[in-house]
Protein backbone atom coordinates (compact mmCIF):
# COMPACT_ATOMS: atom_id res chain seq x y z
CA MET A 1 80.07 113.61 116.11
CA GLN A 2 81.55 116.30 113.88
CA ARG A 3 80.36 117.01 110.35
CA VAL A 4 81.90 119.33 107.77
CA ASP A 5 81.13 120.44 104.23
CA ILE A 6 84.48 119.97 102.47
CA ASP A 7 83.80 122.87 100.10
CA ASP A 8 83.51 125.19 103.14
CA VAL A 9 87.04 124.29 104.31
CA GLU A 10 89.67 126.79 103.13
CA PRO A 11 92.48 125.24 101.06
CA THR A 12 95.91 125.14 102.68
CA THR A 13 98.59 125.68 100.08
CA MET A 14 101.75 124.58 101.92
CA GLY A 15 103.82 126.66 99.48
CA SER A 16 102.01 125.66 96.30
CA ASP A 17 98.75 126.39 94.50
CA ILE A 18 97.24 122.91 94.82
CA ASP A 19 93.77 122.41 96.26
CA ARG A 20 94.52 120.65 99.56
CA ARG A 21 91.83 120.82 102.22
CA GLY A 22 92.85 119.77 105.71
CA LEU A 23 89.89 118.11 107.38
CA SER A 24 91.53 117.08 110.65
CA ASP A 25 90.95 120.37 112.51
CA PRO A 26 87.39 120.99 111.25
CA LEU A 27 86.47 117.41 112.21
CA GLY A 28 88.31 117.62 115.53
CA THR A 29 90.36 114.47 114.99
CA THR A 30 92.94 113.73 117.65
CA ASP A 31 94.62 110.54 116.41
CA PHE A 32 94.04 110.62 112.67
CA ALA A 33 94.94 113.07 109.87
CA VAL A 34 92.79 113.45 106.76
CA ASN A 35 93.24 115.75 103.76
CA ARG A 36 91.28 116.04 100.52
CA TYR A 37 93.27 116.77 97.36
CA ARG A 38 91.99 117.98 93.99
CA LEU A 39 94.99 117.96 91.63
CA GLU A 40 95.32 119.01 88.01
CA PRO A 41 97.44 116.89 85.64
CA GLY A 42 101.07 116.94 86.75
CA GLU A 43 100.38 118.44 90.20
CA ARG A 44 101.88 116.68 93.22
CA PHE A 45 100.62 115.79 96.69
CA SER A 46 103.97 116.95 98.15
CA ASP A 47 107.23 118.48 96.97
CA GLY A 48 109.19 115.26 96.64
CA LEU A 49 110.22 111.83 97.86
CA HIS A 50 109.83 111.60 101.64
CA ALA A 51 108.94 109.19 104.45
CA HIS A 52 107.07 109.70 107.69
CA MET A 53 109.04 107.63 110.19
CA ASP A 54 106.27 107.94 112.77
CA GLN A 55 103.11 107.76 110.65
CA GLU A 56 101.48 105.37 108.20
CA GLU A 57 99.68 106.92 105.25
CA VAL A 58 96.78 105.76 103.10
CA PHE A 59 95.77 107.42 99.83
CA VAL A 60 92.30 106.71 98.42
CA VAL A 61 91.74 107.74 94.78
CA VAL A 62 88.12 108.75 94.23
CA ASP A 63 88.53 109.97 90.66
CA GLY A 64 91.50 110.00 88.28
CA GLU A 65 94.89 108.34 88.51
CA ALA A 66 97.83 108.90 90.85
CA THR A 67 101.35 107.59 90.43
CA PHE A 68 103.60 107.27 93.46
CA GLU A 69 107.36 107.35 93.14
CA THR A 70 108.98 105.00 95.66
CA THR A 71 112.48 103.68 96.25
CA GLY A 72 111.42 100.75 94.05
CA GLU A 73 109.09 100.71 91.08
CA PRO A 74 106.45 103.45 90.63
CA VAL A 75 102.96 102.51 91.83
CA THR A 76 99.87 103.64 89.90
CA VAL A 77 96.60 103.91 91.83
CA GLU A 78 93.38 104.37 89.88
CA SER A 79 89.87 105.50 90.74
CA GLY A 80 88.35 103.18 93.34
CA GLU A 81 91.75 101.99 94.59
CA ALA A 82 93.82 102.75 97.69
CA VAL A 83 97.49 102.41 98.64
CA ARG A 84 99.14 102.24 102.07
CA PHE A 85 102.66 103.35 102.95
CA ALA A 86 104.10 102.03 106.20
CA PRO A 87 106.09 104.27 108.56
CA GLY A 88 109.52 104.80 107.01
CA GLU A 89 108.42 103.95 103.46
CA PHE A 90 109.50 106.63 100.95
CA GLN A 91 106.89 107.94 98.51
CA SER A 92 105.85 110.96 96.50
CA GLY A 93 102.61 111.04 94.53
CA LYS A 94 101.28 113.06 91.63
CA ASN A 95 98.37 113.26 89.22
CA SER A 96 99.62 111.16 86.32
CA GLY A 97 96.40 111.24 84.34
CA ASP A 98 94.96 113.60 81.73
CA GLY A 99 92.10 114.82 83.92
CA GLU A 100 91.59 116.01 87.46
CA LEU A 101 92.56 113.77 90.38
CA LEU A 102 90.35 113.65 93.49
CA ALA A 103 91.92 111.78 96.41
CA PHE A 104 91.99 111.58 100.18
CA ALA A 105 95.21 111.19 102.16
CA MET A 106 94.97 109.82 105.67
CA GLY A 107 97.60 109.26 108.31
CA ALA A 108 97.91 107.89 111.80
CA PRO A 109 98.93 109.04 114.24
CA ARG A 110 97.62 112.48 113.30
CA ASP A 111 100.79 114.52 113.74
CA SER A 112 103.98 113.34 112.07
CA GLU A 113 107.06 114.82 113.66
CA ASP A 114 109.78 112.81 111.92
CA VAL A 115 109.78 113.35 108.15
CA ARG A 116 112.84 112.13 106.26
CA ILE A 117 114.29 112.92 102.84
CA PRO A 118 116.48 110.30 101.10
CA GLN A 119 119.62 112.42 101.09
CA PRO A 120 122.82 111.29 102.82
CA CYS A 121 124.54 113.31 105.52
CA PRO A 122 127.92 114.61 104.31
CA ASP A 123 129.48 114.15 107.79
CA CYS A 124 128.36 110.67 108.85
CA ASP A 125 126.91 107.46 107.42
CA GLN A 126 123.24 108.40 107.92
CA GLU A 127 121.34 107.64 104.67
CA ASN A 128 118.51 110.16 105.08
CA VAL A 129 118.05 113.53 106.71
CA ARG A 130 115.21 114.94 108.74
CA ALA A 131 113.04 117.73 107.27
CA ILE A 132 112.14 120.28 109.93
CA PRO A 133 109.47 122.89 109.09
CA ALA A 134 110.85 126.44 108.75
CA ASP A 135 109.41 129.81 107.71
CA ASP A 136 110.58 129.39 104.10
CA GLY A 137 110.00 125.64 103.68
CA PHE A 138 112.13 123.03 105.45
CA ASP A 139 115.54 122.85 107.09
CA LEU A 140 117.39 119.56 106.59
CA VAL A 141 119.24 118.18 109.61
CA CYS A 142 121.03 114.87 110.12
CA PRO A 143 119.19 112.94 112.85
CA GLU A 144 122.43 111.22 113.91
CA CYS A 145 125.07 113.97 114.12
CA GLY A 146 122.99 117.18 113.90
CA THR A 147 124.72 118.51 110.77
CA GLU A 148 122.63 120.99 108.80
CA VAL A 149 122.42 119.71 105.23
CA THR A 150 121.92 121.69 102.04
CA ALA A 151 119.12 120.38 99.82
CA GLY A 152 120.46 118.77 96.73
């Protein structure tokens, strides 16, 4: 058993000032990712619309209201509700309420290595490109032909 006081976990910013606390390492999870988010109105879970091709995600809203942009209609999730995104399902969530949002994001398997952005490759018919972590954010590369793609 592992136990952790969430307030003792240092926030990881991932390039922004949001309060995201990664609990996977402190808890020693091997097959499951879990993060706690405390977002102010308008703040986002991530930078934009994306899909984990190799991971399903569940968001549980403890307090407040989150709205998730998808490739279809937006989905609003309120306090006491949860939403699941299957592998390959595009989403991007934010605090759409007037007050603070407290939510947990969970994913399995723990490490997602194939994150896609819905942007077409200029050289082939691939409809989305792969986001690869880089020192200054992400590099975008076509998973089919290997073309480096400029964000846009």
